[in-house]
Every structure is written in structure tokens, then in C-alpha cells.
């Protein structure tokens, strides 16, 4: 499975990512190993969407980072 996830950072910004090992990725965020979130700890998992197809997951992540995707995220996912 592939997962697209949204984290809320302590400064009220959001981080969107994609991984095939959600538990490990969340642990890496929490320990400060991820550049974007290391100075915004703690982070909170807001949403996680599972995909069976890696490319669909990456495309959805890319969409969520676009202008209309951010609006969709704000209205429907958080």
C-alpha cells in the first residue's frame, strides 16, 4: 500500500507527503529527520489516504500541493 498523508505542524502549517511505510515515515518526522518538519515539531497526523497504486498516490500528493489541491485539502480533508 502507498499512503498520502497530511501533517499539521506546531506553527499551523501543513505538510503533505507520500510513503509506502507510514509508521516509519511518521517516526522520522517525529525524530526531526525530515528537513521541512524538523523545526516545526511536534507534528500531528491529520489525514491518511491509502492507495494500491504508487503512481496514483504520487499524483494525488502532487495535486494536494497545487492551488486547487490546497483548497480541496482545506475544505474536505482537514
C-alpha atoms as a PDB file:
ATOM      1  CA  UNK A   1       0.000   0.000   0.000  1.00  0.00           C
ATOM      2  CA  UNK A   2       1.018   3.590  -0.627  1.00  0.00           C
ATOM      3  CA  UNK A   3      -0.128   6.399   1.638  1.00  0.00           C
ATOM      4  CA  UNK A   4      -0.644  10.097   1.102  1.00  0.00           C
ATOM      5  CA  UNK A   5      -0.662  11.831   4.462  1.00  0.00           C
ATOM      6  CA  UNK A   6      -1.153  15.315   5.843  1.00  0.00           C
ATOM      7  CA  UNK A   7       0.585  16.518   8.983  1.00  0.00           C
ATOM      8  CA  UNK A   8      -0.202  19.649  10.946  1.00  0.00           C
ATOM      9  CA  UNK A   9       2.951  21.300  12.253  1.00  0.00           C
ATOM     10  CA  UNK A  10       3.215  23.252  15.503  1.00  0.00           C
ATOM     11  CA  UNK A  11       3.249  26.556  13.561  1.00  0.00           C
ATOM     12  CA  UNK A  12      -0.161  25.696  11.979  1.00  0.00           C
ATOM     13  CA  UNK A  13       1.297  24.877   8.549  1.00  0.00           C
ATOM     14  CA  UNK A  14       0.610  21.587   6.792  1.00  0.00           C
ATOM     15  CA  UNK A  15       2.976  19.039   5.317  1.00  0.00           C
ATOM     16  CA  UNK A  16       1.791  16.627   2.631  1.00  0.00           C
ATOM     17  CA  UNK A  17       3.808  13.513   1.885  1.00  0.00           C
ATOM     18  CA  UNK A  18       3.684  10.091   0.283  1.00  0.00           C
ATOM     19  CA  UNK A  19       5.204   6.825   1.506  1.00  0.00           C
ATOM     20  CA  UNK A  20       4.802   3.067   1.419  1.00  0.00           C
ATOM     21  CA  UNK A  21       5.746   2.740   5.114  1.00  0.00           C
ATOM     22  CA  UNK A  22       3.620   5.204   7.064  1.00  0.00           C
ATOM     23  CA  UNK A  23       4.742   4.132  10.532  1.00  0.00           C
ATOM     24  CA  UNK A  24       8.432   4.582   9.706  1.00  0.00           C
ATOM     25  CA  UNK A  25       7.827   7.897   7.959  1.00  0.00           C
ATOM     26  CA  UNK A  26       5.871   9.325  10.898  1.00  0.00           C
ATOM     27  CA  UNK A  27       8.649   8.230  13.241  1.00  0.00           C
ATOM     28  CA  UNK A  28      11.216  10.012  11.045  1.00  0.00           C
ATOM     29  CA  UNK A  29       9.109  13.183  11.173  1.00  0.00           C
ATOM     30  CA  UNK A  30       8.781  12.960  14.967  1.00  0.00           C
ATOM     31  CA  UNK A  31      12.521  12.499  15.466  1.00  0.00           C
ATOM     32  CA  UNK A  32      13.381  15.529  13.328  1.00  0.00           C
ATOM     33  CA  UNK A  33      14.939  13.629  10.422  1.00  0.00           C
ATOM     34  CA  UNK A  34      12.759  15.348   7.789  1.00  0.00           C
ATOM     35  CA  UNK A  35      14.124  18.735   6.723  1.00  0.00           C
ATOM     36  CA  UNK A  36      10.788  20.577   6.351  1.00  0.00           C
ATOM     37  CA  UNK A  37       9.302  19.479   9.666  1.00  0.00           C
ATOM     38  CA  UNK A  38      12.374  19.276  11.914  1.00  0.00           C
ATOM     39  CA  UNK A  39      11.964  22.841  13.212  1.00  0.00           C
ATOM     40  CA  UNK A  40       8.152  22.577  13.365  1.00  0.00           C
ATOM     41  CA  UNK A  41       7.802  19.759  15.901  1.00  0.00           C
ATOM     42  CA  UNK A  42       5.643  18.304  17.210  1.00  0.00           C
ATOM     43  CA  UNK A  43       3.604  17.253  14.184  1.00  0.00           C
ATOM     44  CA  UNK A  44       0.140  15.708  14.234  1.00  0.00           C
ATOM     45  CA  UNK A  45      -1.250  13.290  11.647  1.00  0.00           C
ATOM     46  CA  UNK A  46      -4.447  14.825  10.250  1.00  0.00           C
ATOM     47  CA  UNK A  47      -5.331  12.620   7.281  1.00  0.00           C
ATOM     48  CA  UNK A  48      -4.048   9.445   5.662  1.00  0.00           C
ATOM     49  CA  UNK A  49      -5.333   8.077   2.345  1.00  0.00           C
ATOM     50  CA  UNK A  50      -4.300   4.602   1.162  1.00  0.00           C
ATOM     51  CA  UNK A  51      -3.659   3.665  -2.470  1.00  0.00           C
ATOM     52  CA  UNK A  52      -2.798   0.332  -4.054  1.00  0.00           C
ATOM     53  CA  UNK A  53      -1.066   2.063  -6.983  1.00  0.00           C
ATOM     54  CA  UNK A  54       2.145   4.010  -6.320  1.00  0.00           C
ATOM     55  CA  UNK A  55       1.613   6.376  -9.258  1.00  0.00           C
ATOM     56  CA  UNK A  56      -1.928   7.269  -8.205  1.00  0.00           C
ATOM     57  CA  UNK A  57      -0.608   8.069  -4.730  1.00  0.00           C
ATOM     58  CA  UNK A  58       2.167  10.293  -6.088  1.00  0.00           C
ATOM     59  CA  UNK A  59      -0.249  12.036  -8.454  1.00  0.00           C
ATOM     60  CA  UNK A  60      -2.684  12.702  -5.602  1.00  0.00           C
ATOM     61  CA  UNK A  61       0.145  14.087  -3.453  1.00  0.00           C
ATOM     62  CA  UNK A  62       1.166  16.362  -6.320  1.00  0.00           C
ATOM     63  CA  UNK A  63      -2.453  17.508  -6.711  1.00  0.00           C
ATOM     64  CA  UNK A  64      -2.746  18.292  -2.988  1.00  0.00           C
ATOM     65  CA  UNK A  65       0.286  20.573  -3.299  1.00  0.00           C
ATOM     66  CA  UNK A  66      -1.286  22.551  -6.174  1.00  0.00           C
ATOM     67  CA  UNK A  67      -3.507  25.593  -5.742  1.00  0.00           C
ATOM     68  CA  UNK A  68      -6.801  23.762  -6.263  1.00  0.00           C
ATOM     69  CA  UNK A  69      -5.496  20.809  -4.254  1.00  0.00           C
ATOM     70  CA  UNK A  70      -4.752  23.059  -1.283  1.00  0.00           C
ATOM     71  CA  UNK A  71      -8.304  24.420  -1.485  1.00  0.00           C
ATOM     72  CA  UNK A  72      -9.635  20.835  -1.622  1.00  0.00           C
ATOM     73  CA  UNK A  73      -7.453  19.870   1.346  1.00  0.00           C
ATOM     74  CA  UNK A  74      -8.648  22.808   3.398  1.00  0.00           C
ATOM     75  CA  UNK A  75     -12.328  22.187   2.607  1.00  0.00           C
ATOM     76  CA  UNK A  76     -12.519  18.387   2.669  1.00  0.00           C
ATOM     77  CA  UNK A  77      -9.531  16.792   4.402  1.00  0.00           C
ATOM     78  CA  UNK A  78      -8.618  18.910   7.420  1.00  0.00           C
END
